Structures are given as C-alpha cells and as structure tokens.
Amino acid sequence: MATHHAQPGELVDLTSWADDIPSEGSKAITKIDRLELARLVVPADTEMHRSKYCRVSGPIVVHCLDGEIELKTRDAVTTIKAGQLVYLLADTDHAIRGILDSVVLLTIVLTT
C-alpha cells in the first residue's frame, strides 16, 4: 500500500497521532521539491539511527510534539520536551534518542 502524503491545503492533525506510539511507526507527511515533513515515533530508550550520527544536506527542525527526546550533535546534547524545537544547519551530524515515548515533527529543507 502506498504511503499517503498530505496534499496542499489538506489538514493534518498531529495531536491525534500522539496516542498511537505502541502501534504506529514513523511516516512521511509530505515531500515536495524542497521540503520534507516527517512524523517520527521515538520510543523511550531508543536511538533513531543505526549508525552513531545522521546527516542531512539541508537545514532541519526537530520539534518534539509529545514526550521527551535527546538531540545529540558533535558539539552538544540537548533535551527537547513536548512543545519545544531545535533547528540545525545543513550537514550537522545528529542523533535522536527517546527519553520518554515521543512523537517528533521533523522538517527538512531539501537542497538537492
């Protein structure tokens, strides 16, 4: 089954998705020419990346919608709680770990 991507003008209710951590996984919300939005489910005590760090060619915004996560870069470790966000510049090595069961909105500005 193909993943549904939100269409321009379509309402996406992120608050109703915060209750499905045990049953739902991460999913792309939309991806267009220079923008990608993804909803990440980050269970407690789980690293999101198999390798130590991930890197994206464009800037990103990591917005914790529910729960609490740790965002690690080579320079800092930041705890992000529900309702908080952090942005990173392009090509910043980073890793995300769940402190609590969490839902994250990841915004990526695509550069290629």
PDB file of N, CA and C in Angstrom:
ATOM      1  N   MET A   1       0.845  -1.176   0.000  1.00  0.00           N
ATOM      2  CA  MET A   1       0.000   0.000   0.000  1.00  0.00           C
ATOM      3  C   MET A   1       0.890   1.240   0.000  1.00  0.00           C
ATOM      4  N   ALA A   2       0.591   2.184  -0.851  1.00  0.00           N
ATOM      5  CA  ALA A   2       1.377   3.412  -0.963  1.00  0.00           C
ATOM      6  C   ALA A   2       1.126   4.312   0.244  1.00  0.00           C
ATOM      7  N   THR A   3       2.160   5.022   0.634  1.00  0.00           N
ATOM      8  CA  THR A   3       2.046   5.975   1.736  1.00  0.00           C
ATOM      9  C   THR A   3       1.258   7.190   1.276  1.00  0.00           C
ATOM     10  N   HIS A   4       0.290   7.598   2.076  1.00  0.00           N
ATOM     11  CA  HIS A   4      -0.470   8.808   1.764  1.00  0.00           C
ATOM     12  C   HIS A   4       0.362  10.013   2.163  1.00  0.00           C
ATOM     13  N   HIS A   5       0.564  10.920   1.230  1.00  0.00           N
ATOM     14  CA  HIS A   5       1.219  12.192   1.522  1.00  0.00           C
ATOM     15  C   HIS A   5       0.157  13.281   1.523  1.00  0.00           C
ATOM     16  N   ALA A   6       0.248  14.181   2.487  1.00  0.00           N
ATOM     17  CA  ALA A   6      -0.708  15.288   2.561  1.00  0.00           C
ATOM     18  C   ALA A   6      -0.613  16.139   1.298  1.00  0.00           C
ATOM     19  N   GLN A   7      -1.745  16.608   0.855  1.00  0.00           N
ATOM     20  CA  GLN A   7      -1.827  17.468  -0.318  1.00  0.00           C
ATOM     21  C   GLN A   7      -1.876  18.929   0.127  1.00  0.00           C
ATOM     22  N   PRO A   8      -1.514  19.859  -0.757  1.00  0.00           N
ATOM     23  CA  PRO A   8      -1.597  21.278  -0.393  1.00  0.00           C
ATOM     24  C   PRO A   8      -2.996  21.625   0.126  1.00  0.00           C
ATOM     25  N   GLY A   9      -3.061  22.288   1.254  1.00  0.00           N
ATOM     26  CA  GLY A   9      -4.335  22.689   1.842  1.00  0.00           C
ATOM     27  C   GLY A   9      -4.991  21.620   2.696  1.00  0.00           C
ATOM     28  N   GLU A  10      -4.464  20.406   2.699  1.00  0.00           N
ATOM     29  CA  GLU A  10      -5.055  19.323   3.488  1.00  0.00           C
ATOM     30  C   GLU A  10      -4.710  19.495   4.966  1.00  0.00           C
ATOM     31  N   LEU A  11      -5.695  19.329   5.835  1.00  0.00           N
ATOM     32  CA  LEU A  11      -5.486  19.411   7.274  1.00  0.00           C
ATOM     33  C   LEU A  11      -4.786  18.144   7.757  1.00  0.00           C
ATOM     34  N   VAL A  12      -3.715  18.307   8.499  1.00  0.00           N
ATOM     35  CA  VAL A  12      -3.000  17.192   9.109  1.00  0.00           C
ATOM     36  C   VAL A  12      -3.069  17.401  10.614  1.00  0.00           C
ATOM     37  N   ASP A  13      -3.760  16.511  11.316  1.00  0.00           N
ATOM     38  CA  ASP A  13      -3.957  16.655  12.757  1.00  0.00           C
ATOM     39  C   ASP A  13      -2.887  15.870  13.507  1.00  0.00           C
ATOM     40  N   LEU A  14      -1.813  16.542  13.879  1.00  0.00           N
ATOM     41  CA  LEU A  14      -0.721  15.876  14.577  1.00  0.00           C
ATOM     42  C   LEU A  14      -1.071  15.523  16.013  1.00  0.00           C
ATOM     43  N   THR A  15      -2.006  16.239  16.621  1.00  0.00           N
ATOM     44  CA  THR A  15      -2.346  15.957  18.014  1.00  0.00           C
ATOM     45  C   THR A  15      -3.002  14.595  18.162  1.00  0.00           C
ATOM     46  N   SER A  16      -3.800  14.191  17.210  1.00  0.00           N
ATOM     47  CA  SER A  16      -4.466  12.892  17.318  1.00  0.00           C
ATOM     48  C   SER A  16      -3.497  11.746  17.081  1.00  0.00           C
ATOM     49  N   TRP A  17      -2.351  12.017  16.504  1.00  0.00           N
ATOM     50  CA  TRP A  17      -1.366  10.962  16.272  1.00  0.00           C
ATOM     51  C   TRP A  17      -0.520  10.680  17.500  1.00  0.00           C
ATOM     52  N   ALA A  18      -0.588  11.506  18.510  1.00  0.00           N
ATOM     53  CA  ALA A  18       0.296  11.351  19.668  1.00  0.00           C
ATOM     54  C   ALA A  18      -0.076  10.165  20.544  1.00  0.00           C
ATOM     55  N   ASP A  19      -1.241   9.558  20.352  1.00  0.00           N
ATOM     56  CA  ASP A  19      -1.683   8.455  21.199  1.00  0.00           C
ATOM     57  C   ASP A  19      -1.368   7.084  20.623  1.00  0.00           C
ATOM     58  N   ASP A  20      -0.699   7.024  19.475  1.00  0.00           N
ATOM     59  CA  ASP A  20      -0.539   5.733  18.811  1.00  0.00           C
ATOM     60  C   ASP A  20       0.891   5.216  18.816  1.00  0.00           C
ATOM     61  N   ILE A  21       1.691   5.625  19.783  1.00  0.00           N
ATOM     62  CA  ILE A  21       3.098   5.219  19.791  1.00  0.00           C
ATOM     63  C   ILE A  21       3.262   3.697  19.772  1.00  0.00           C
ATOM     64  N   PRO A  22       2.519   2.930  20.562  1.00  0.00           N
ATOM     65  CA  PRO A  22       2.757   1.486  20.536  1.00  0.00           C
ATOM     66  C   PRO A  22       2.424   0.828  19.196  1.00  0.00           C
ATOM     67  N   SER A  23       1.475   1.378  18.447  1.00  0.00           N
ATOM     68  CA  SER A  23       1.015   0.698  17.240  1.00  0.00           C
ATOM     69  C   SER A  23       1.483   1.323  15.940  1.00  0.00           C
ATOM     70  N   GLU A  24       1.902   2.554  15.953  1.00  0.00           N
ATOM     71  CA  GLU A  24       2.270   3.249  14.713  1.00  0.00           C
ATOM     72  C   GLU A  24       3.757   3.511  14.647  1.00  0.00           C
ATOM     73  N   GLY A  25       4.249   3.547  13.439  1.00  0.00           N
ATOM     74  CA  GLY A  25       5.647   3.889  13.229  1.00  0.00           C
ATOM     75  C   GLY A  25       5.775   5.278  12.661  1.00  0.00           C
ATOM     76  N   SER A  26       6.983   5.593  12.299  1.00  0.00           N
ATOM     77  CA  SER A  26       7.249   6.890  11.686  1.00  0.00           C
ATOM     78  C   SER A  26       6.677   6.913  10.279  1.00  0.00           C
ATOM     79  N   LYS A  27       6.309   8.094   9.809  1.00  0.00           N
ATOM     80  CA  LYS A  27       5.785   8.197   8.446  1.00  0.00           C
ATOM     81  C   LYS A  27       6.010   9.584   7.878  1.00  0.00           C
ATOM     82  N   ALA A  28       6.205   9.608   6.572  1.00  0.00           N
ATOM     83  CA  ALA A  28       6.344  10.884   5.873  1.00  0.00           C
ATOM     84  C   ALA A  28       4.975  11.538   5.796  1.00  0.00           C
ATOM     85  N   ILE A  29       4.925  12.820   6.066  1.00  0.00           N
ATOM     86  CA  ILE A  29       3.676  13.569   5.922  1.00  0.00           C
ATOM     87  C   ILE A  29       3.578  14.086   4.498  1.00  0.00           C
ATOM     88  N   THR A  30       4.642  14.711   4.034  1.00  0.00           N
ATOM     89  CA  THR A  30       4.684  15.171   2.647  1.00  0.00           C
ATOM     90  C   THR A  30       6.129  15.391   2.237  1.00  0.00           C
ATOM     91  N   LYS A  31       6.356  15.302   0.948  1.00  0.00           N
ATOM     92  CA  LYS A  31       7.673  15.609   0.385  1.00  0.00           C
ATOM     93  C   LYS A  31       7.438  16.282  -0.952  1.00  0.00           C
ATOM     94  N   ILE A  32       7.897  17.526  -1.037  1.00  0.00           N
ATOM     95  CA  ILE A  32       7.794  18.270  -2.289  1.00  0.00           C
ATOM     96  C   ILE A  32       9.197  18.722  -2.674  1.00  0.00           C
ATOM     97  N   ASP A  33       9.305  19.500  -3.718  1.00  0.00           N
ATOM     98  CA  ASP A  33      10.606  19.843  -4.287  1.00  0.00           C
ATOM     99  C   ASP A  33      11.686  20.159  -3.261  1.00  0.00           C
ATOM    100  N   ARG A  34      11.425  21.048  -2.335  1.00  0.00           N
ATOM    101  CA  ARG A  34      12.481  21.493  -1.428  1.00  0.00           C
ATOM    102  C   ARG A  34      12.111  21.361   0.047  1.00  0.00           C
ATOM    103  N   LEU A  35      11.089  20.537   0.342  1.00  0.00           N
ATOM    104  CA  LEU A  35      10.632  20.416   1.720  1.00  0.00           C
ATOM    105  C   LEU A  35      10.136  19.003   1.983  1.00  0.00           C
ATOM    106  N   GLU A  36      10.533  18.468   3.124  1.00  0.00           N
ATOM    107  CA  GLU A  36      10.004  17.181   3.566  1.00  0.00           C
ATOM    108  C   GLU A  36       9.572  17.313   5.017  1.00  0.00           C
ATOM    109  N   LEU A  37       8.375  16.812   5.324  1.00  0.00           N
ATOM    110  CA  LEU A  37       7.864  16.759   6.691  1.00  0.00           C
ATOM    111  C   LEU A  37       7.665  15.297   7.052  1.00  0.00           C
ATOM    112  N   ALA A  38       8.164  14.910   8.204  1.00  0.00           N
ATOM    113  CA  ALA A  38       8.001  13.531   8.653  1.00  0.00           C
ATOM    114  C   ALA A  38       7.623  13.518  10.121  1.00  0.00           C
ATOM    115  N   ARG A  39       6.791  12.571  10.464  1.00  0.00           N
ATOM    116  CA  ARG A  39       6.389  12.363  11.844  1.00  0.00           C
ATOM    117  C   ARG A  39       7.142  11.134  12.329  1.00  0.00           C
ATOM    118  N   LEU A  40       7.951  11.322  13.355  1.00  0.00           N
ATOM    119  CA  LEU A  40       8.763  10.237  13.882  1.00  0.00           C
ATOM    120  C   LEU A  40       8.204   9.758  15.209  1.00  0.00           C
ATOM    121  N   VAL A  41       8.098   8.458  15.359  1.00  0.00           N
ATOM    122  CA  VAL A  41       7.770   7.860  16.643  1.00  0.00           C
ATOM    123  C   VAL A  41       9.090   7.405  17.251  1.00  0.00           C
ATOM    124  N   VAL A  42       9.388   7.907  18.430  1.00  0.00           N
ATOM    125  CA  VAL A  42      10.663   7.606  19.085  1.00  0.00           C
ATOM    126  C   VAL A  42      10.355   6.982  20.449  1.00  0.00           C
ATOM    127  N   PRO A  43      10.382   5.658  20.540  1.00  0.00           N
ATOM    128  CA  PRO A  43      10.120   5.024  21.836  1.00  0.00           C
ATOM    129  C   PRO A  43      11.198   5.367  22.864  1.00  0.00           C
ATOM    130  N   ALA A  44      10.840   5.300  24.123  1.00  0.00           N
ATOM    131  CA  ALA A  44      11.795   5.561  25.205  1.00  0.00           C
ATOM    132  C   ALA A  44      12.996   4.629  25.081  1.00  0.00           C
ATOM    133  N   ASP A  45      14.169   5.159  25.397  1.00  0.00           N
ATOM    134  CA  ASP A  45      15.427   4.399  25.394  1.00  0.00           C
ATOM    135  C   ASP A  45      15.772   3.807  24.033  1.00  0.00           C
ATOM    136  N   THR A  46      15.366   4.490  22.970  1.00  0.00           N
ATOM    137  CA  THR A  46      15.644   4.019  21.615  1.00  0.00           C
ATOM    138  C   THR A  46      16.381   5.089  20.831  1.00  0.00           C
ATOM    139  N   GLU A  47      17.467   4.683  20.167  1.00  0.00           N
ATOM    140  CA  GLU A  47      18.193   5.565  19.249  1.00  0.00           C
ATOM    141  C   GLU A  47      17.527   5.461  17.886  1.00  0.00           C
ATOM    142  N   MET A  48      17.345   6.593  17.222  1.00  0.00           N
ATOM    143  CA  MET A  48      16.686   6.585  15.909  1.00  0.00           C
ATOM    144  C   MET A  48      17.613   6.162  14.773  1.00  0.00           C
ATOM    145  N   HIS A  49      18.906   6.219  14.955  1.00  0.00           N
ATOM    146  CA  HIS A  49      19.831   5.965  13.853  1.00  0.00           C
ATOM    147  C   HIS A  49      20.702   4.758  14.175  1.00  0.00           C
ATOM    148  N   ARG A  50      20.848   3.882  13.203  1.00  0.00           N
ATOM    149  CA  ARG A  50      21.669   2.686  13.417  1.00  0.00           C
ATOM    150  C   ARG A  50      23.141   3.037  13.569  1.00  0.00           C
ATOM    151  N   SER A  51      23.595   3.981  12.752  1.00  0.00           N
ATOM    152  CA  SER A  51      24.970   4.440  12.932  1.00  0.00           C
ATOM    153  C   SER A  51      24.959   5.505  14.029  1.00  0.00           C
ATOM    154  N   LYS A  52      26.115   5.951  14.419  1.00  0.00           N
ATOM    155  CA  LYS A  52      26.176   6.886  15.541  1.00  0.00           C
ATOM    156  C   LYS A  52      25.475   8.210  15.244  1.00  0.00           C
ATOM    157  N   TYR A  53      25.642   8.732  14.027  1.00  0.00           N
ATOM    158  CA  TYR A  53      25.040  10.012  13.666  1.00  0.00           C
ATOM    159  C   TYR A  53      24.377   9.928  12.297  1.00  0.00           C
ATOM    160  N   CYS A  54      23.461  10.854  12.066  1.00  0.00           N
ATOM    161  CA  CYS A  54      22.810  11.039  10.770  1.00  0.00           C
ATOM    162  C   CYS A  54      23.188  12.436  10.289  1.00  0.00           C
ATOM    163  N   ARG A  55      23.175  12.629   8.980  1.00  0.00           N
ATOM    164  CA  ARG A  55      23.474  13.953   8.421  1.00  0.00           C
ATOM    165  C   ARG A  55      22.525  14.190   7.254  1.00  0.00           C
ATOM    166  N   VAL A  56      21.981  15.392   7.177  1.00  0.00           N
ATOM    167  CA  VAL A  56      21.072  15.782   6.096  1.00  0.00           C
ATOM    168  C   VAL A  56      21.694  16.972   5.382  1.00  0.00           C
ATOM    169  N   SER A  57      21.563  17.005   4.059  1.00  0.00           N
ATOM    170  CA  SER A  57      22.233  18.053   3.279  1.00  0.00           C
ATOM    171  C   SER A  57      21.597  19.435   3.428  1.00  0.00           C
ATOM    172  N   GLY A  58      20.402  19.506   4.008  1.00  0.00           N
ATOM    173  CA  GLY A  58      19.753  20.795   4.226  1.00  0.00           C
ATOM    174  C   GLY A  58      19.518  21.032   5.706  1.00  0.00           C
ATOM    175  N   PRO A  59      19.107  22.243   6.074  1.00  0.00           N
ATOM    176  CA  PRO A  59      18.777  22.514   7.472  1.00  0.00           C
ATOM    177  C   PRO A  59      17.550  21.712   7.902  1.00  0.00           C
ATOM    178  N   ILE A  60      17.465  21.427   9.199  1.00  0.00           N
ATOM    179  CA  ILE A  60      16.329  20.676   9.732  1.00  0.00           C
ATOM    180  C   ILE A  60      15.794  21.359  10.988  1.00  0.00           C
ATOM    181  N   VAL A  61      14.512  21.087  11.262  1.00  0.00           N
ATOM    182  CA  VAL A  61      13.881  21.495  12.510  1.00  0.00           C
ATOM    183  C   VAL A  61      13.385  20.223  13.180  1.00  0.00           C
ATOM    184  N   VAL A  62      13.752  20.026  14.440  1.00  0.00           N
ATOM    185  CA  VAL A  62      13.314  18.885  15.237  1.00  0.00           C
ATOM    186  C   VAL A  62      12.361  19.439  16.288  1.00  0.00           C
ATOM    187  N   HIS A  63      11.067  19.106  16.154  1.00  0.00           N
ATOM    188  CA  HIS A  63      10.012  19.653  17.018  1.00  0.00           C
ATOM    189  C   HIS A  63       9.393  18.495  17.794  1.00  0.00           C
ATOM    190  N   CYS A  64       9.579  18.472  19.089  1.00  0.00           N
ATOM    191  CA  CYS A  64       9.001  17.425  19.929  1.00  0.00           C
ATOM    192  C   CYS A  64       7.534  17.763  20.196  1.00  0.00           C
ATOM    193  N   LEU A  65       6.641  16.935  19.689  1.00  0.00           N
ATOM    194  CA  LEU A  65       5.208  17.159  19.868  1.00  0.00           C
ATOM    195  C   LEU A  65       4.700  16.544  21.163  1.00  0.00           C
ATOM    196  N   ASP A  66       5.257  15.386  21.519  1.00  0.00           N
ATOM    197  CA  ASP A  66       4.804  14.668  22.704  1.00  0.00           C
ATOM    198  C   ASP A  66       5.988  13.893  23.264  1.00  0.00           C
ATOM    199  N   GLY A  67       6.119  13.841  24.569  1.00  0.00           N
ATOM    200  CA  GLY A  67       7.198  13.092  25.188  1.00  0.00           C
ATOM    201  C   GLY A  67       8.423  13.947  25.449  1.00  0.00           C
ATOM    202  N   GLU A  68       9.581  13.303  25.367  1.00  0.00           N
ATOM    203  CA  GLU A  68      10.849  13.991  25.623  1.00  0.00           C
ATOM    204  C   GLU A  68      11.958  13.232  24.908  1.00  0.00           C
ATOM    205  N   ILE A  69      12.799  13.967  24.184  1.00  0.00           N
ATOM    206  CA  ILE A  69      13.885  13.352  23.429  1.00  0.00           C
ATOM    207  C   ILE A  69      15.211  14.027  23.754  1.00  0.00           C
ATOM    208  N   GLU A  70      16.268  13.372  23.342  1.00  0.00           N
ATOM    209  CA  GLU A  70      17.607  13.933  23.436  1.00  0.00           C
ATOM    210  C   GLU A  70      18.126  14.086  22.009  1.00  0.00           C
ATOM    211  N   LEU A  71      18.567  15.280  21.666  1.00  0.00           N
ATOM    212  CA  LEU A  71      19.166  15.557  20.360  1.00  0.00           C
ATOM    213  C   LEU A  71      20.658  15.755  20.582  1.00  0.00           C
ATOM    214  N   LYS A  72      21.436  14.879  19.977  1.00  0.00           N
ATOM    215  CA  LYS A  72      22.879  14.922  20.168  1.00  0.00           C
ATOM    216  C   LYS A  72      23.545  15.355  18.871  1.00  0.00           C
ATOM    217  N   THR A  73      24.444  16.333  18.960  1.00  0.00           N
ATOM    218  CA  THR A  73      25.321  16.711  17.855  1.00  0.00           C
ATOM    219  C   THR A  73      26.751  16.466  18.336  1.00  0.00           C
ATOM    220  N   ARG A  74      27.704  16.711  17.469  1.00  0.00           N
ATOM    221  CA  ARG A  74      29.102  16.515  17.886  1.00  0.00           C
ATOM    222  C   ARG A  74      29.514  17.553  18.935  1.00  0.00           C
ATOM    223  N   ASP A  75      28.759  18.655  19.032  1.00  0.00           N
ATOM    224  CA  ASP A  75      29.110  19.741  19.952  1.00  0.00           C
ATOM    225  C   ASP A  75      28.269  19.812  21.218  1.00  0.00           C
ATOM    226  N   ALA A  76      27.068  19.210  21.204  1.00  0.00           N
ATOM    227  CA  ALA A  76      26.159  19.407  22.339  1.00  0.00           C
ATOM    228  C   ALA A  76      25.136  18.280  22.424  1.00  0.00           C
ATOM    229  N   VAL A  77      24.558  18.150  23.600  1.00  0.00           N
ATOM    230  CA  VAL A  77      23.415  17.266  23.827  1.00  0.00           C
ATOM    231  C   VAL A  77      22.310  18.145  24.396  1.00  0.00           C
ATOM    232  N   THR A  78      21.142  18.137  23.731  1.00  0.00           N
ATOM    233  CA  THR A  78      20.030  18.996  24.130  1.00  0.00           C
ATOM    234  C   THR A  78      18.810  18.142  24.429  1.00  0.00           C
ATOM    235  N   THR A  79      18.190  18.355  25.572  1.00  0.00           N
ATOM    236  CA  THR A  79      16.927  17.700  25.894  1.00  0.00           C
ATOM    237  C   THR A  79      15.804  18.564  25.345  1.00  0.00           C
ATOM    238  N   ILE A  80      14.913  17.942  24.564  1.00  0.00           N
ATOM    239  CA  ILE A  80      13.783  18.653  23.959  1.00  0.00           C
ATOM    240  C   ILE A  80      12.505  18.027  24.505  1.00  0.00           C
ATOM    241  N   LYS A  81      11.677  18.834  25.134  1.00  0.00           N
ATOM    242  CA  LYS A  81      10.413  18.369  25.707  1.00  0.00           C
ATOM    243  C   LYS A  81       9.261  18.733  24.782  1.00  0.00           C
ATOM    244  N   ALA A  82       8.088  18.165  25.058  1.00  0.00           N
ATOM    245  CA  ALA A  82       6.892  18.449  24.255  1.00  0.00           C
ATOM    246  C   ALA A  82       6.691  19.953  24.135  1.00  0.00           C
ATOM    247  N   GLY A  83       6.465  20.407  22.903  1.00  0.00           N
ATOM    248  CA  GLY A  83       6.244  21.822  22.646  1.00  0.00           C
ATOM    249  C   GLY A  83       7.515  22.600  22.359  1.00  0.00           C
ATOM    250  N   GLN A  84       8.660  21.949  22.422  1.00  0.00           N
ATOM    251  CA  GLN A  84       9.931  22.630  22.158  1.00  0.00           C
ATOM    252  C   GLN A  84      10.519  22.158  20.831  1.00  0.00           C
ATOM    253  N   LEU A  85      11.377  23.001  20.235  1.00  0.00           N
ATOM    254  CA  LEU A  85      12.041  22.621  18.991  1.00  0.00           C
ATOM    255  C   LEU A  85      13.451  23.162  18.949  1.00  0.00           C
ATOM    256  N   VAL A  86      14.241  22.554  18.081  1.00  0.00           N
ATOM    257  CA  VAL A  86      15.613  22.982  17.824  1.00  0.00           C
ATOM    258  C   VAL A  86      15.820  22.906  16.321  1.00  0.00           C
ATOM    259  N   TYR A  87      16.553  23.882  15.757  1.00  0.00           N
ATOM    260  CA  TYR A  87      16.911  23.761  14.349  1.00  0.00           C
ATOM    261  C   TYR A  87      18.408  23.570  14.232  1.00  0.00           C
ATOM    262  N   LEU A  88      18.799  22.838  13.188  1.00  0.00           N
ATOM    263  CA  LEU A  88      20.204  22.572  12.911  1.00  0.00           C
ATOM    264  C   LEU A  88      20.526  23.007  11.495  1.00  0.00           C
ATOM    265  N   LEU A  89      21.729  23.467  11.292  1.00  0.00           N
ATOM    266  CA  LEU A  89      22.177  23.856   9.962  1.00  0.00           C
ATOM    267  C   LEU A  89      22.435  22.621   9.104  1.00  0.00           C
ATOM    268  N   ALA A  90      22.523  22.815   7.810  1.00  0.00           N
ATOM    269  CA  ALA A  90      22.805  21.726   6.877  1.00  0.00           C
ATOM    270  C   ALA A  90      24.089  21.006   7.274  1.00  0.00           C
ATOM    271  N   ASP A  91      24.109  19.714   7.010  1.00  0.00           N
ATOM    272  CA  ASP A  91      25.291  18.870   7.226  1.00  0.00           C
ATOM    273  C   ASP A  91      25.742  18.787   8.678  1.00  0.00           C
ATOM    274  N   THR A  92      24.820  18.996   9.615  1.00  0.00           N
ATOM    275  CA  THR A  92      25.141  18.828  11.032  1.00  0.00           C
ATOM    276  C   THR A  92      24.915  17.372  11.419  1.00  0.00           C
ATOM    277  N   ASP A  93      25.959  16.708  11.890  1.00  0.00           N
ATOM    278  CA  ASP A  93      25.804  15.345  12.389  1.00  0.00           C
ATOM    279  C   ASP A  93      24.897  15.384  13.614  1.00  0.00           C
ATOM    280  N   HIS A  94      23.910  14.485  13.647  1.00  0.00           N
ATOM    281  CA  HIS A  94      22.984  14.487  14.775  1.00  0.00           C
ATOM    282  C   HIS A  94      22.433  13.087  15.021  1.00  0.00           C
ATOM    283  N   ALA A  95      21.934  12.884  16.229  1.00  0.00           N
ATOM    284  CA  ALA A  95      21.274  11.640  16.609  1.00  0.00           C
ATOM    285  C   ALA A  95      20.127  11.990  17.546  1.00  0.00           C
ATOM    286  N   ILE A  96      19.053  11.200  17.463  1.00  0.00           N
ATOM    287  CA  ILE A  96      17.873  11.413  18.302  1.00  0.00           C
ATOM    288  C   ILE A  96      17.656  10.160  19.143  1.00  0.00           C
ATOM    289  N   ARG A  97      17.431  10.353  20.439  1.00  0.00           N
ATOM    290  CA  ARG A  97      17.142   9.252  21.356  1.00  0.00           C
ATOM    291  C   ARG A  97      15.912   9.602  22.170  1.00  0.00           C
ATOM    292  N   GLY A  98      15.020   8.645  22.327  1.00  0.00           N
ATOM    293  CA  GLY A  98      13.843   8.856  23.151  1.00  0.00           C
ATOM    294  C   GLY A  98      14.191   8.765  24.629  1.00  0.00           C
ATOM    295  N   ILE A  99      13.845   9.781  25.380  1.00  0.00           N
ATOM    296  CA  ILE A  99      13.933   9.714  26.840  1.00  0.00           C
ATOM    297  C   ILE A  99      12.625   9.120  27.354  1.00  0.00           C
ATOM    298  N   LEU A 100      11.513   9.647  26.838  1.00  0.00           N
ATOM    299  CA  LEU A 100      10.175   9.100  27.053  1.00  0.00           C
ATOM    300  C   LEU A 100       9.639   8.681  25.694  1.00  0.00           C
ATOM    301  N   ASP A 101       8.556   7.904  25.654  1.00  0.00           N
ATOM    302  CA  ASP A 101       7.883   7.646  24.380  1.00  0.00           C
ATOM    303  C   ASP A 101       7.525   8.998  23.781  1.00  0.00           C
ATOM    304  N   SER A 102       7.900   9.224  22.527  1.00  0.00           N
ATOM    305  CA  SER A 102       7.782  10.567  21.954  1.00  0.00           C
ATOM    306  C   SER A 102       7.297  10.545  20.516  1.00  0.00           C
ATOM    307  N   VAL A 103       6.705  11.660  20.116  1.00  0.00           N
ATOM    308  CA  VAL A 103       6.341  11.919  18.729  1.00  0.00           C
ATOM    309  C   VAL A 103       7.032  13.218  18.333  1.00  0.00           C
ATOM    310  N   VAL A 104       7.706  13.188  17.183  1.00  0.00           N
ATOM    311  CA  VAL A 104       8.521  14.313  16.727  1.00  0.00           C
ATOM    312  C   VAL A 104       8.104  14.702  15.319  1.00  0.00           C
ATOM    313  N   LEU A 105       8.009  15.989  15.063  1.00  0.00           N
ATOM    314  CA  LEU A 105       7.814  16.500  13.709  1.00  0.00           C
ATOM    315  C   LEU A 105       9.182  16.933  13.210  1.00  0.00           C
ATOM    316  N   LEU A 106       9.637  16.299  12.138  1.00  0.00           N
ATOM    317  CA  LEU A 106      10.927  16.619  11.540  1.00  0.00           C
ATOM    318  C   LEU A 106      10.677  17.362  10.236  1.00  0.00           C
ATOM    319  N   THR A 107      11.236  18.550  10.118  1.00  0.00           N
ATOM    320  CA  THR A 107      11.131  19.356   8.901  1.00  0.00           C
ATOM    321  C   THR A 107      12.516  19.436   8.283  1.00  0.00           C
ATOM    322  N   ILE A 108      12.611  19.047   7.015  1.00  0.00           N
ATOM    323  CA  ILE A 108      13.886  19.055   6.300  1.00  0.00           C
ATOM    324  C   ILE A 108      13.754  19.968   5.093  1.00  0.00           C
ATOM    325  N   VAL A 109      14.654  20.921   4.974  1.00  0.00           N
ATOM    326  CA  VAL A 109      14.727  21.758   3.781  1.00  0.00           C
ATOM    327  C   VAL A 109      15.693  21.058   2.832  1.00  0.00           C
ATOM    328  N   LEU A 110      15.173  20.605   1.699  1.00  0.00           N
ATOM    329  CA  LEU A 110      15.979  19.849   0.743  1.00  0.00           C
ATOM    330  C   LEU A 110      16.786  20.798  -0.125  1.00  0.00           C
ATOM    331  N   THR A 111      18.042  20.471  -0.320  1.00  0.00           N
ATOM    332  CA  THR A 111      18.910  21.358  -1.087  1.00  0.00           C
ATOM    333  C   THR A 111      19.317  20.779  -2.429  1.00  0.00           C
ATOM    334  N   THR A 112      19.035  19.517  -2.667  1.00  0.00           N
ATOM    335  CA  THR A 112      19.401  18.911  -3.954  1.00  0.00           C
ATOM    336  C   THR A 112      18.194  18.338  -4.637  1.00  0.00           C
TER     337      THR A 112
END
